[in-house]
Amino acid sequence: MPEIAIPLNLTSDEAWCFSQLVKRLSSHNLGTTGHYALHLVTPAEHDDAKKALRKLEKALAAAGYDPR
């Protein structure tokens, strides 16, 4: 599947808060069970969402917003 670019302009505060959110989204949150789950219905959806989340983490870190 081809990749797409998603331009996004954030303020410094927005970028920092967003990086914190991305950090806190875990496999548990991406799953199908649990109070905070996103209820992705297939393993493929889970895997693709997890890959996209990792790409967001890398892009935020490259821009200087790595909350780790």
PDB file of N, CA and C in Angstrom:
ATOM      1  N   MET A   1       0.842  -1.172   0.000  1.00  0.00           N
ATOM      2  CA  MET A   1       0.000   0.000   0.000  1.00  0.00           C
ATOM      3  C   MET A   1       0.892   1.241   0.000  1.00  0.00           C
ATOM      4  N   PRO A   2       0.592   2.221  -0.827  1.00  0.00           N
ATOM      5  CA  PRO A   2       1.423   3.423  -0.874  1.00  0.00           C
ATOM      6  C   PRO A   2       1.257   4.258   0.394  1.00  0.00           C
ATOM      7  N   GLU A   3       2.338   4.932   0.778  1.00  0.00           N
ATOM      8  CA  GLU A   3       2.285   5.825   1.933  1.00  0.00           C
ATOM      9  C   GLU A   3       1.748   7.178   1.507  1.00  0.00           C
ATOM     10  N   ILE A   4       1.106   7.865   2.442  1.00  0.00           N
ATOM     11  CA  ILE A   4       0.623   9.219   2.193  1.00  0.00           C
ATOM     12  C   ILE A   4       1.267  10.154   3.206  1.00  0.00           C
ATOM     13  N   ALA A   5       1.438  11.387   2.818  1.00  0.00           N
ATOM     14  CA  ALA A   5       1.965  12.406   3.729  1.00  0.00           C
ATOM     15  C   ALA A   5       0.782  13.168   4.319  1.00  0.00           C
ATOM     16  N   ILE A   6       0.862  13.437   5.607  1.00  0.00           N
ATOM     17  CA  ILE A   6      -0.190  14.192   6.281  1.00  0.00           C
ATOM     18  C   ILE A   6       0.442  15.437   6.893  1.00  0.00           C
ATOM     19  N   PRO A   7       0.340  16.577   6.213  1.00  0.00           N
ATOM     20  CA  PRO A   7       0.908  17.805   6.772  1.00  0.00           C
ATOM     21  C   PRO A   7       0.151  18.192   8.051  1.00  0.00           C
ATOM     22  N   LEU A   8       0.898  18.619   9.051  1.00  0.00           N
ATOM     23  CA  LEU A   8       0.282  18.967  10.329  1.00  0.00           C
ATOM     24  C   LEU A   8       1.078  20.085  10.972  1.00  0.00           C
ATOM     25  N   ASN A   9       0.423  21.157  11.264  1.00  0.00           N
ATOM     26  CA  ASN A   9       1.057  22.284  11.946  1.00  0.00           C
ATOM     27  C   ASN A   9       0.494  22.375  13.355  1.00  0.00           C
ATOM     28  N   LEU A  10       1.375  22.334  14.344  1.00  0.00           N
ATOM     29  CA  LEU A  10       0.985  22.411  15.747  1.00  0.00           C
ATOM     30  C   LEU A  10       1.784  23.498  16.446  1.00  0.00           C
ATOM     31  N   THR A  11       1.194  24.065  17.473  1.00  0.00           N
ATOM     32  CA  THR A  11       1.980  24.949  18.325  1.00  0.00           C
ATOM     33  C   THR A  11       2.913  24.074  19.151  1.00  0.00           C
ATOM     34  N   SER A  12       3.879  24.671  19.782  1.00  0.00           N
ATOM     35  CA  SER A  12       4.807  23.922  20.629  1.00  0.00           C
ATOM     36  C   SER A  12       4.054  23.191  21.743  1.00  0.00           C
ATOM     37  N   ASP A  13       3.112  23.858  22.363  1.00  0.00           N
ATOM     38  CA  ASP A  13       2.324  23.218  23.429  1.00  0.00           C
ATOM     39  C   ASP A  13       1.496  22.065  22.894  1.00  0.00           C
ATOM     40  N   GLU A  14       0.885  22.249  21.737  1.00  0.00           N
ATOM     41  CA  GLU A  14       0.095  21.171  21.137  1.00  0.00           C
ATOM     42  C   GLU A  14       0.972  19.974  20.803  1.00  0.00           C
ATOM     43  N   ALA A  15       2.145  20.223  20.243  1.00  0.00           N
ATOM     44  CA  ALA A  15       3.054  19.137  19.880  1.00  0.00           C
ATOM     45  C   ALA A  15       3.484  18.360  21.119  1.00  0.00           C
ATOM     46  N   TRP A  16       3.801  19.066  22.197  1.00  0.00           N
ATOM     47  CA  TRP A  16       4.218  18.389  23.425  1.00  0.00           C
ATOM     48  C   TRP A  16       3.076  17.542  23.991  1.00  0.00           C
ATOM     49  N   CYS A  17       1.886  18.104  24.067  1.00  0.00           N
ATOM     50  CA  CYS A  17       0.745  17.359  24.600  1.00  0.00           C
ATOM     51  C   CYS A  17       0.389  16.178  23.707  1.00  0.00           C
ATOM     52  N   PHE A  18       0.488  16.380  22.399  1.00  0.00           N
ATOM     53  CA  PHE A  18       0.203  15.288  21.476  1.00  0.00           C
ATOM     54  C   PHE A  18       1.230  14.178  21.620  1.00  0.00           C
ATOM     55  N   SER A  19       2.490  14.528  21.819  1.00  0.00           N
ATOM     56  CA  SER A  19       3.517  13.499  22.004  1.00  0.00           C
ATOM     57  C   SER A  19       3.253  12.703  23.278  1.00  0.00           C
ATOM     58  N   GLN A  20       2.736  13.358  24.315  1.00  0.00           N
ATOM     59  CA  GLN A  20       2.379  12.651  25.544  1.00  0.00           C
ATOM     60  C   GLN A  20       1.225  11.682  25.288  1.00  0.00           C
ATOM     61  N   LEU A  21       0.238  12.113  24.516  1.00  0.00           N
ATOM     62  CA  LEU A  21      -0.891  11.245  24.176  1.00  0.00           C
ATOM     63  C   LEU A  21      -0.413  10.023  23.393  1.00  0.00           C
ATOM     64  N   VAL A  22       0.410  10.262  22.385  1.00  0.00           N
ATOM     65  CA  VAL A  22       0.917   9.164  21.568  1.00  0.00           C
ATOM     66  C   VAL A  22       1.691   8.178  22.434  1.00  0.00           C
ATOM     67  N   LYS A  23       2.484   8.690  23.374  1.00  0.00           N
ATOM     68  CA  LYS A  23       3.248   7.824  24.271  1.00  0.00           C
ATOM     69  C   LYS A  23       2.313   6.937  25.095  1.00  0.00           C
ATOM     70  N   ARG A  24       1.203   7.482  25.514  1.00  0.00           N
ATOM     71  CA  ARG A  24       0.310   6.755  26.415  1.00  0.00           C
ATOM     72  C   ARG A  24      -0.613   5.761  25.709  1.00  0.00           C
ATOM     73  N   LEU A  25      -0.758   5.894  24.404  1.00  0.00           N
ATOM     74  CA  LEU A  25      -1.557   4.910  23.676  1.00  0.00           C
ATOM     75  C   LEU A  25      -0.754   3.615  23.603  1.00  0.00           C
ATOM     76  N   SER A  26      -1.260   2.594  24.195  1.00  0.00           N
ATOM     77  CA  SER A  26      -0.530   1.331  24.258  1.00  0.00           C
ATOM     78  C   SER A  26      -1.260   0.272  23.447  1.00  0.00           C
ATOM     79  N   SER A  27      -0.656  -0.896  23.356  1.00  0.00           N
ATOM     80  CA  SER A  27      -1.311  -2.010  22.674  1.00  0.00           C
ATOM     81  C   SER A  27      -2.642  -2.321  23.335  1.00  0.00           C
ATOM     82  N   HIS A  28      -2.696  -2.159  24.649  1.00  0.00           N
ATOM     83  CA  HIS A  28      -3.955  -2.402  25.356  1.00  0.00           C
ATOM     84  C   HIS A  28      -5.041  -1.461  24.839  1.00  0.00           C
ATOM     85  N   ASN A  29      -4.697  -0.188  24.654  1.00  0.00           N
ATOM     86  CA  ASN A  29      -5.672   0.787  24.169  1.00  0.00           C
ATOM     87  C   ASN A  29      -6.091   0.501  22.730  1.00  0.00           C
ATOM     88  N   LEU A  30      -5.207  -0.100  21.964  1.00  0.00           N
ATOM     89  CA  LEU A  30      -5.516  -0.399  20.567  1.00  0.00           C
ATOM     90  C   LEU A  30      -6.311  -1.690  20.420  1.00  0.00           C
ATOM     91  N   GLY A  31      -6.486  -2.430  21.479  1.00  0.00           N
ATOM     92  CA  GLY A  31      -7.107  -3.744  21.428  1.00  0.00           C
ATOM     93  C   GLY A  31      -8.617  -3.733  21.326  1.00  0.00           C
ATOM     94  N   THR A  32      -9.196  -4.875  21.627  1.00  0.00           N
ATOM     95  CA  THR A  32     -10.638  -5.058  21.487  1.00  0.00           C
ATOM     96  C   THR A  32     -11.338  -5.202  22.828  1.00  0.00           C
ATOM     97  N   THR A  33     -10.584  -5.225  23.918  1.00  0.00           N
ATOM     98  CA  THR A  33     -11.200  -5.372  25.227  1.00  0.00           C
ATOM     99  C   THR A  33     -10.684  -4.308  26.172  1.00  0.00           C
ATOM    100  N   GLY A  34     -11.373  -4.131  27.239  1.00  0.00           N
ATOM    101  CA  GLY A  34     -10.939  -3.179  28.248  1.00  0.00           C
ATOM    102  C   GLY A  34     -11.693  -1.867  28.169  1.00  0.00           C
ATOM    103  N   HIS A  35     -11.689  -1.150  29.265  1.00  0.00           N
ATOM    104  CA  HIS A  35     -12.460   0.082  29.391  1.00  0.00           C
ATOM    105  C   HIS A  35     -12.013   1.162  28.403  1.00  0.00           C
ATOM    106  N   TYR A  36     -10.716   1.265  28.166  1.00  0.00           N
ATOM    107  CA  TYR A  36     -10.197   2.323  27.292  1.00  0.00           C
ATOM    108  C   TYR A  36      -9.848   1.827  25.891  1.00  0.00           C
ATOM    109  N   ALA A  37     -10.245   0.626  25.548  1.00  0.00           N
ATOM    110  CA  ALA A  37      -9.894   0.051  24.252  1.00  0.00           C
ATOM    111  C   ALA A  37     -10.573   0.794  23.107  1.00  0.00           C
ATOM    112  N   LEU A  38      -9.871   0.849  21.978  1.00  0.00           N
ATOM    113  CA  LEU A  38     -10.428   1.476  20.774  1.00  0.00           C
ATOM    114  C   LEU A  38     -11.292   0.515  19.974  1.00  0.00           C
ATOM    115  N   HIS A  39     -11.336  -0.728  20.374  1.00  0.00           N
ATOM    116  CA  HIS A  39     -12.175  -1.765  19.766  1.00  0.00           C
ATOM    117  C   HIS A  39     -11.905  -1.962  18.284  1.00  0.00           C
ATOM    118  N   LEU A  40     -10.624  -2.065  17.937  1.00  0.00           N
ATOM    119  CA  LEU A  40     -10.259  -2.426  16.569  1.00  0.00           C
ATOM    120  C   LEU A  40     -10.678  -3.878  16.383  1.00  0.00           C
ATOM    121  N   VAL A  41     -11.285  -4.189  15.260  1.00  0.00           N
ATOM    122  CA  VAL A  41     -11.950  -5.478  15.133  1.00  0.00           C
ATOM    123  C   VAL A  41     -11.096  -6.592  14.548  1.00  0.00           C
ATOM    124  N   THR A  42     -10.003  -6.252  13.933  1.00  0.00           N
ATOM    125  CA  THR A  42      -9.184  -7.315  13.351  1.00  0.00           C
ATOM    126  C   THR A  42      -7.736  -7.151  13.787  1.00  0.00           C
ATOM    127  N   PRO A  43      -6.991  -8.247  13.773  1.00  0.00           N
ATOM    128  CA  PRO A  43      -5.563  -8.142  14.065  1.00  0.00           C
ATOM    129  C   PRO A  43      -4.842  -7.204  13.088  1.00  0.00           C
ATOM    130  N   ALA A  44      -5.279  -7.194  11.830  1.00  0.00           N
ATOM    131  CA  ALA A  44      -4.645  -6.317  10.834  1.00  0.00           C
ATOM    132  C   ALA A  44      -4.854  -4.848  11.190  1.00  0.00           C
ATOM    133  N   GLU A  45      -6.062  -4.488  11.639  1.00  0.00           N
ATOM    134  CA  GLU A  45      -6.311  -3.109  12.061  1.00  0.00           C
ATOM    135  C   GLU A  45      -5.422  -2.744  13.243  1.00  0.00           C
ATOM    136  N   HIS A  46      -5.302  -3.662  14.178  1.00  0.00           N
ATOM    137  CA  HIS A  46      -4.458  -3.435  15.354  1.00  0.00           C
ATOM    138  C   HIS A  46      -3.018  -3.212  14.923  1.00  0.00           C
ATOM    139  N   ASP A  47      -2.511  -4.083  14.061  1.00  0.00           N
ATOM    140  CA  ASP A  47      -1.123  -3.986  13.613  1.00  0.00           C
ATOM    141  C   ASP A  47      -0.869  -2.693  12.844  1.00  0.00           C
ATOM    142  N   ASP A  48      -1.791  -2.323  11.955  1.00  0.00           N
ATOM    143  CA  ASP A  48      -1.616  -1.098  11.181  1.00  0.00           C
ATOM    144  C   ASP A  48      -1.691   0.138  12.068  1.00  0.00           C
ATOM    145  N   ALA A  49      -2.594   0.137  13.034  1.00  0.00           N
ATOM    146  CA  ALA A  49      -2.695   1.268  13.955  1.00  0.00           C
ATOM    147  C   ALA A  49      -1.426   1.392  14.788  1.00  0.00           C
ATOM    148  N   LYS A  50      -0.875   0.266  15.209  1.00  0.00           N
ATOM    149  CA  LYS A  50       0.356   0.270  16.006  1.00  0.00           C
ATOM    150  C   LYS A  50       1.531   0.809  15.173  1.00  0.00           C
ATOM    151  N   LYS A  51       1.614   0.404  13.901  1.00  0.00           N
ATOM    152  CA  LYS A  51       2.668   0.909  13.018  1.00  0.00           C
ATOM    153  C   LYS A  51       2.531   2.419  12.820  1.00  0.00           C
ATOM    154  N   ALA A  52       1.306   2.884  12.606  1.00  0.00           N
ATOM    155  CA  ALA A  52       1.077   4.316  12.411  1.00  0.00           C
ATOM    156  C   ALA A  52       1.444   5.094  13.675  1.00  0.00           C
ATOM    157  N   LEU A  53       1.123   4.532  14.825  1.00  0.00           N
ATOM    158  CA  LEU A  53       1.461   5.169  16.095  1.00  0.00           C
ATOM    159  C   LEU A  53       2.970   5.300  16.252  1.00  0.00           C
ATOM    160  N   ARG A  54       3.712   4.274  15.881  1.00  0.00           N
ATOM    161  CA  ARG A  54       5.173   4.323  15.961  1.00  0.00           C
ATOM    162  C   ARG A  54       5.733   5.384  15.017  1.00  0.00           C
ATOM    163  N   LYS A  55       5.141   5.533  13.830  1.00  0.00           N
ATOM    164  CA  LYS A  55       5.579   6.561  12.890  1.00  0.00           C
ATOM    165  C   LYS A  55       5.330   7.954  13.472  1.00  0.00           C
ATOM    166  N   LEU A  56       4.186   8.129  14.135  1.00  0.00           N
ATOM    167  CA  LEU A  56       3.906   9.407  14.795  1.00  0.00           C
ATOM    168  C   LEU A  56       4.939   9.689  15.874  1.00  0.00           C
ATOM    169  N   GLU A  57       5.263   8.695  16.669  1.00  0.00           N
ATOM    170  CA  GLU A  57       6.280   8.861  17.710  1.00  0.00           C
ATOM    171  C   GLU A  57       7.608   9.307  17.120  1.00  0.00           C
ATOM    172  N   LYS A  58       8.021   8.658  16.045  1.00  0.00           N
ATOM    173  CA  LYS A  58       9.289   9.002  15.402  1.00  0.00           C
ATOM    174  C   LYS A  58       9.283  10.417  14.844  1.00  0.00           C
ATOM    175  N   ALA A  59       8.167  10.801  14.208  1.00  0.00           N
ATOM    176  CA  ALA A  59       8.078  12.143  13.635  1.00  0.00           C
ATOM    177  C   ALA A  59       8.092  13.210  14.721  1.00  0.00           C
ATOM    178  N   LEU A  60       7.391  12.965  15.807  1.00  0.00           N
ATOM    179  CA  LEU A  60       7.400  13.908  16.925  1.00  0.00           C
ATOM    180  C   LEU A  60       8.797  14.008  17.546  1.00  0.00           C
ATOM    181  N   ALA A  61       9.456  12.880  17.705  1.00  0.00           N
ATOM    182  CA  ALA A  61      10.810  12.876  18.269  1.00  0.00           C
ATOM    183  C   ALA A  61      11.776  13.633  17.356  1.00  0.00           C
ATOM    184  N   ALA A  62      11.640  13.423  16.049  1.00  0.00           N
ATOM    185  CA  ALA A  62      12.516  14.106  15.091  1.00  0.00           C
ATOM    186  C   ALA A  62      12.312  15.621  15.138  1.00  0.00           C
ATOM    187  N   ALA A  63      11.107  16.040  15.510  1.00  0.00           N
ATOM    188  CA  ALA A  63      10.815  17.469  15.615  1.00  0.00           C
ATOM    189  C   ALA A  63      11.170  18.026  16.994  1.00  0.00           C
ATOM    190  N   GLY A  64      11.724  17.161  17.864  1.00  0.00           N
ATOM    191  CA  GLY A  64      12.136  17.621  19.188  1.00  0.00           C
ATOM    192  C   GLY A  64      11.115  17.415  20.282  1.00  0.00           C
ATOM    193  N   TYR A  65      10.114  16.594  20.022  1.00  0.00           N
ATOM    194  CA  TYR A  65       9.055  16.348  21.005  1.00  0.00           C
ATOM    195  C   TYR A  65       9.008  14.862  21.351  1.00  0.00           C
ATOM    196  N   ASP A  66      10.047  14.408  22.001  1.00  0.00           N
ATOM    197  CA  ASP A  66      10.150  13.015  22.425  1.00  0.00           C
ATOM    198  C   ASP A  66       9.966  12.974  23.941  1.00  0.00           C
ATOM    199  N   PRO A  67       8.798  12.534  24.402  1.00  0.00           N
ATOM    200  CA  PRO A  67       8.513  12.597  25.831  1.00  0.00           C
ATOM    201  C   PRO A  67       9.199  11.530  26.670  1.00  0.00           C
ATOM    202  N   ARG A  68       9.981  10.695  26.087  1.00  0.00           N
ATOM    203  CA  ARG A  68      10.613   9.605  26.849  1.00  0.00           C
ATOM    204  C   ARG A  68      11.755  10.082  27.680  1.00  0.00           C
TER     205      ARG A  68
END
